[in-house]
N, C-alpha and C. Protein backbone atom coordinates (compact mmCIF):
# COMPACT_ATOMS: atom_id res chain seq x y z
N ALA A 1 -234.44 109.77 -178.94
CA ALA A 1 -233.55 108.67 -179.29
C ALA A 1 -232.22 109.25 -179.75
N ARG A 2 -231.15 108.63 -179.28
CA ARG A 2 -229.81 109.09 -179.63
C ARG A 2 -229.31 108.51 -180.94
N ASP A 3 -229.89 107.41 -181.37
CA ASP A 3 -229.43 106.73 -182.57
C ASP A 3 -229.91 107.48 -183.81
N PRO A 4 -228.99 108.01 -184.63
CA PRO A 4 -229.40 108.74 -185.84
C PRO A 4 -230.22 107.90 -186.79
N ASN A 5 -230.04 106.58 -186.76
CA ASN A 5 -230.80 105.70 -187.65
C ASN A 5 -232.28 105.67 -187.32
N LYS A 6 -232.65 106.18 -186.15
CA LYS A 6 -234.05 106.17 -185.74
C LYS A 6 -234.77 107.47 -186.12
N HIS A 7 -234.09 108.34 -186.83
CA HIS A 7 -234.67 109.62 -187.25
C HIS A 7 -234.76 109.67 -188.77
N ASP A 8 -235.74 110.42 -189.26
CA ASP A 8 -235.86 110.55 -190.72
C ASP A 8 -234.86 111.59 -191.23
N GLU A 9 -234.71 111.64 -192.54
CA GLU A 9 -233.72 112.52 -193.16
C GLU A 9 -233.95 113.99 -192.82
N ALA A 10 -235.21 114.42 -192.80
CA ALA A 10 -235.53 115.83 -192.51
C ALA A 10 -235.04 116.21 -191.11
N MET A 11 -235.25 115.33 -190.14
CA MET A 11 -234.83 115.59 -188.76
C MET A 11 -233.30 115.69 -188.70
N LEU A 12 -232.61 114.80 -189.41
CA LEU A 12 -231.15 114.82 -189.41
C LEU A 12 -230.61 116.08 -190.08
N GLN A 13 -231.25 116.48 -191.18
CA GLN A 13 -230.84 117.72 -191.86
C GLN A 13 -231.01 118.92 -190.93
N GLU A 14 -232.14 118.97 -190.25
CA GLU A 14 -232.40 120.07 -189.31
C GLU A 14 -231.34 120.10 -188.21
N PHE A 15 -231.01 118.93 -187.69
CA PHE A 15 -229.98 118.84 -186.65
C PHE A 15 -228.65 119.40 -187.17
N CYS A 16 -228.27 119.00 -188.38
CA CYS A 16 -227.01 119.45 -188.97
C CYS A 16 -226.99 120.96 -189.16
N VAL A 17 -228.08 121.50 -189.63
CA VAL A 17 -228.17 122.95 -189.83
C VAL A 17 -228.10 123.68 -188.49
N ASN A 18 -228.88 123.22 -187.52
CA ASN A 18 -228.93 123.88 -186.20
C ASN A 18 -227.60 123.84 -185.47
N HIS A 19 -226.79 122.81 -185.75
CA HIS A 19 -225.51 122.66 -185.06
C HIS A 19 -224.32 123.03 -185.95
N HIS A 20 -224.63 123.64 -187.08
CA HIS A 20 -223.60 124.16 -187.99
C HIS A 20 -222.57 123.10 -188.39
N LEU A 21 -223.06 121.91 -188.69
CA LEU A 21 -222.17 120.83 -189.13
C LEU A 21 -221.88 120.97 -190.61
N PRO A 22 -220.65 120.72 -191.02
CA PRO A 22 -220.31 120.82 -192.44
C PRO A 22 -220.95 119.69 -193.25
N ALA A 23 -221.12 119.93 -194.52
CA ALA A 23 -221.67 118.90 -195.41
C ALA A 23 -220.67 117.74 -195.50
N PRO A 24 -221.16 116.52 -195.65
CA PRO A 24 -220.24 115.39 -195.79
C PRO A 24 -219.51 115.45 -197.12
N PRO A 25 -218.35 114.80 -197.23
CA PRO A 25 -217.63 114.77 -198.50
C PRO A 25 -218.49 114.15 -199.60
N MET A 26 -218.20 114.52 -200.83
CA MET A 26 -219.00 114.04 -201.97
C MET A 26 -218.97 112.52 -202.10
N ASP A 27 -217.87 111.87 -201.72
CA ASP A 27 -217.77 110.42 -201.87
C ASP A 27 -218.28 109.66 -200.65
N TRP A 28 -218.91 110.36 -199.72
CA TRP A 28 -219.42 109.75 -198.51
C TRP A 28 -220.85 109.28 -198.73
N GLY A 29 -221.21 108.16 -198.14
CA GLY A 29 -222.59 107.69 -198.23
C GLY A 29 -222.71 106.39 -198.98
N ALA A 30 -223.81 106.25 -199.72
CA ALA A 30 -224.15 104.98 -200.36
C ALA A 30 -223.07 104.49 -201.32
N GLY A 31 -222.40 105.40 -202.00
CA GLY A 31 -221.40 104.99 -202.97
C GLY A 31 -220.04 104.70 -202.36
N ALA A 32 -219.86 105.06 -201.09
CA ALA A 32 -218.56 104.87 -200.46
C ALA A 32 -218.34 103.41 -200.09
N THR A 33 -217.11 103.00 -200.14
CA THR A 33 -216.76 101.64 -199.76
C THR A 33 -216.52 101.60 -198.26
N PRO A 34 -217.18 100.70 -197.53
CA PRO A 34 -216.94 100.64 -196.09
C PRO A 34 -215.52 100.19 -195.78
N VAL A 35 -215.02 100.62 -194.64
CA VAL A 35 -213.68 100.23 -194.22
C VAL A 35 -213.70 98.75 -193.88
N ALA A 36 -212.76 98.02 -194.44
CA ALA A 36 -212.70 96.57 -194.20
C ALA A 36 -212.11 96.32 -192.82
N LEU A 37 -212.73 95.43 -192.10
CA LEU A 37 -212.26 95.05 -190.77
C LEU A 37 -211.12 94.05 -190.95
N ASP A 38 -210.04 94.27 -190.21
CA ASP A 38 -208.91 93.36 -190.23
C ASP A 38 -209.43 91.95 -189.92
N PRO A 39 -209.09 90.96 -190.74
CA PRO A 39 -209.61 89.60 -190.54
C PRO A 39 -209.29 89.02 -189.16
N THR A 40 -208.20 89.44 -188.56
CA THR A 40 -207.88 88.94 -187.21
C THR A 40 -208.75 89.60 -186.15
N MET A 41 -209.28 90.76 -186.47
CA MET A 41 -210.13 91.49 -185.52
C MET A 41 -211.58 91.01 -185.57
N ALA A 42 -212.04 90.58 -186.72
CA ALA A 42 -213.46 90.24 -186.90
C ALA A 42 -213.99 89.28 -185.84
N PRO A 43 -213.30 88.16 -185.54
CA PRO A 43 -213.84 87.26 -184.52
C PRO A 43 -213.87 87.88 -183.12
N LEU A 44 -212.88 88.73 -182.82
CA LEU A 44 -212.85 89.39 -181.51
C LEU A 44 -214.03 90.36 -181.37
N VAL A 45 -214.22 91.15 -182.41
CA VAL A 45 -215.34 92.11 -182.42
C VAL A 45 -216.66 91.37 -182.31
N SER A 46 -216.82 90.30 -183.06
CA SER A 46 -218.06 89.52 -183.02
C SER A 46 -218.34 88.97 -181.63
N ARG A 47 -217.31 88.48 -180.99
CA ARG A 47 -217.49 87.92 -179.64
C ARG A 47 -217.94 88.99 -178.66
N ILE A 48 -217.34 90.17 -178.75
CA ILE A 48 -217.72 91.24 -177.82
C ILE A 48 -219.12 91.75 -178.12
N LYS A 49 -219.48 91.86 -179.38
CA LYS A 49 -220.84 92.29 -179.73
C LYS A 49 -221.87 91.27 -179.25
N ALA A 50 -221.56 89.99 -179.40
CA ALA A 50 -222.47 88.95 -178.91
C ALA A 50 -222.59 89.02 -177.39
N PHE A 51 -221.47 89.26 -176.72
CA PHE A 51 -221.46 89.41 -175.26
C PHE A 51 -222.39 90.54 -174.83
N GLN A 52 -222.32 91.67 -175.52
CA GLN A 52 -223.15 92.83 -175.18
C GLN A 52 -224.64 92.52 -175.34
N LYS A 53 -224.96 91.68 -176.32
CA LYS A 53 -226.36 91.33 -176.56
C LYS A 53 -226.91 90.40 -175.49
N GLY A 54 -226.06 89.92 -174.60
CA GLY A 54 -226.49 89.02 -173.54
C GLY A 54 -227.31 89.69 -172.46
N GLY A 55 -227.37 90.99 -172.47
CA GLY A 55 -228.18 91.69 -171.47
C GLY A 55 -227.60 93.05 -171.14
N ALA A 56 -228.40 93.83 -170.44
CA ALA A 56 -228.02 95.21 -170.10
C ALA A 56 -226.74 95.24 -169.24
N GLU A 57 -226.63 94.29 -168.31
CA GLU A 57 -225.46 94.28 -167.44
C GLU A 57 -224.18 94.03 -168.24
N GLN A 58 -224.24 93.10 -169.19
CA GLN A 58 -223.07 92.81 -170.01
C GLN A 58 -222.72 94.01 -170.90
N LYS A 59 -223.73 94.68 -171.41
CA LYS A 59 -223.48 95.86 -172.23
C LYS A 59 -222.81 96.95 -171.39
N GLU A 60 -223.27 97.12 -170.15
CA GLU A 60 -222.68 98.12 -169.26
C GLU A 60 -221.23 97.77 -168.92
N VAL A 61 -220.94 96.48 -168.76
CA VAL A 61 -219.57 96.05 -168.48
C VAL A 61 -218.65 96.47 -169.62
N TRP A 62 -219.09 96.22 -170.87
CA TRP A 62 -218.28 96.62 -172.02
C TRP A 62 -218.11 98.13 -172.06
N GLN A 63 -219.21 98.87 -171.87
CA GLN A 63 -219.15 100.32 -171.95
C GLN A 63 -218.22 100.91 -170.89
N ALA A 64 -218.23 100.34 -169.69
CA ALA A 64 -217.34 100.82 -168.63
C ALA A 64 -215.87 100.55 -169.01
N PHE A 65 -215.63 99.41 -169.59
CA PHE A 65 -214.27 99.04 -170.00
C PHE A 65 -213.81 99.88 -171.19
N ALA A 66 -214.71 100.08 -172.15
CA ALA A 66 -214.35 100.71 -173.42
C ALA A 66 -214.14 102.21 -173.32
N GLY A 67 -214.73 102.85 -172.33
CA GLY A 67 -214.61 104.30 -172.24
C GLY A 67 -215.48 104.99 -173.28
N SER A 68 -214.99 106.05 -173.86
CA SER A 68 -215.81 106.83 -174.79
C SER A 68 -215.96 106.18 -176.16
N THR A 69 -215.13 105.20 -176.47
CA THR A 69 -215.22 104.51 -177.76
C THR A 69 -215.95 103.19 -177.57
N LYS A 70 -217.25 103.20 -177.82
CA LYS A 70 -218.08 102.03 -177.54
C LYS A 70 -217.98 100.93 -178.59
N ASP A 71 -217.65 101.29 -179.83
CA ASP A 71 -217.60 100.32 -180.92
C ASP A 71 -216.34 99.46 -180.77
N PRO A 72 -216.52 98.14 -180.57
CA PRO A 72 -215.34 97.28 -180.41
C PRO A 72 -214.39 97.33 -181.61
N ALA A 73 -214.93 97.56 -182.79
CA ALA A 73 -214.09 97.60 -184.00
C ALA A 73 -213.12 98.77 -183.99
N ARG A 74 -213.33 99.72 -183.13
CA ARG A 74 -212.45 100.90 -183.06
C ARG A 74 -211.35 100.76 -182.00
N HIS A 75 -211.28 99.58 -181.40
CA HIS A 75 -210.22 99.30 -180.43
C HIS A 75 -209.20 98.37 -181.07
N ASP A 76 -207.99 98.35 -180.54
CA ASP A 76 -207.00 97.45 -181.11
C ASP A 76 -207.21 96.04 -180.56
N ALA A 77 -206.62 95.07 -181.22
CA ALA A 77 -206.81 93.66 -180.88
C ALA A 77 -206.37 93.37 -179.44
N ALA A 78 -205.30 94.00 -178.98
CA ALA A 78 -204.82 93.75 -177.62
C ALA A 78 -205.87 94.16 -176.59
N LYS A 79 -206.51 95.28 -176.81
CA LYS A 79 -207.57 95.76 -175.90
C LYS A 79 -208.75 94.78 -175.90
N LEU A 80 -209.13 94.30 -177.08
CA LEU A 80 -210.24 93.35 -177.18
C LEU A 80 -209.90 92.04 -176.48
N ARG A 81 -208.68 91.55 -176.69
CA ARG A 81 -208.26 90.31 -176.03
C ARG A 81 -208.24 90.48 -174.50
N GLU A 82 -207.80 91.64 -174.06
CA GLU A 82 -207.78 91.93 -172.62
C GLU A 82 -209.20 91.82 -172.04
N PHE A 83 -210.17 92.44 -172.72
CA PHE A 83 -211.56 92.39 -172.25
C PHE A 83 -212.08 90.96 -172.26
N ILE A 84 -211.82 90.24 -173.34
CA ILE A 84 -212.30 88.86 -173.48
C ILE A 84 -211.74 88.00 -172.35
N ALA A 85 -210.47 88.15 -172.04
CA ALA A 85 -209.86 87.36 -170.97
C ALA A 85 -210.40 87.79 -169.59
N MET A 86 -210.51 89.09 -169.39
CA MET A 86 -210.92 89.62 -168.09
C MET A 86 -212.35 89.21 -167.72
N PHE A 87 -213.22 89.14 -168.72
CA PHE A 87 -214.64 88.87 -168.46
C PHE A 87 -215.09 87.51 -169.00
N ASN A 88 -214.14 86.65 -169.34
CA ASN A 88 -214.46 85.29 -169.80
C ASN A 88 -215.52 85.31 -170.91
N VAL A 89 -215.30 86.15 -171.91
CA VAL A 89 -216.24 86.25 -173.03
C VAL A 89 -216.12 84.99 -173.88
N PRO A 90 -217.25 84.31 -174.10
CA PRO A 90 -217.19 83.07 -174.91
C PRO A 90 -216.84 83.34 -176.36
């Protein structure tokens, strides 16, 4: 499985050691404040995420459009609007 959330802590630690990854910053993790999503972006991101959940084909359409950055929240609003218009995302 590629999703780190599907592995236990020991497996993730082993991965980090084997791949020589640096330790995370001290303020990273449970105590860190998540980055707030721009309120104008939230509905766009939600629409695209809902679209992806419509099936494998819809998820593939988003992934082909998005390129290497699969998370809609990491794209700018113009890119999200372009996708929504191009694929008639409800």
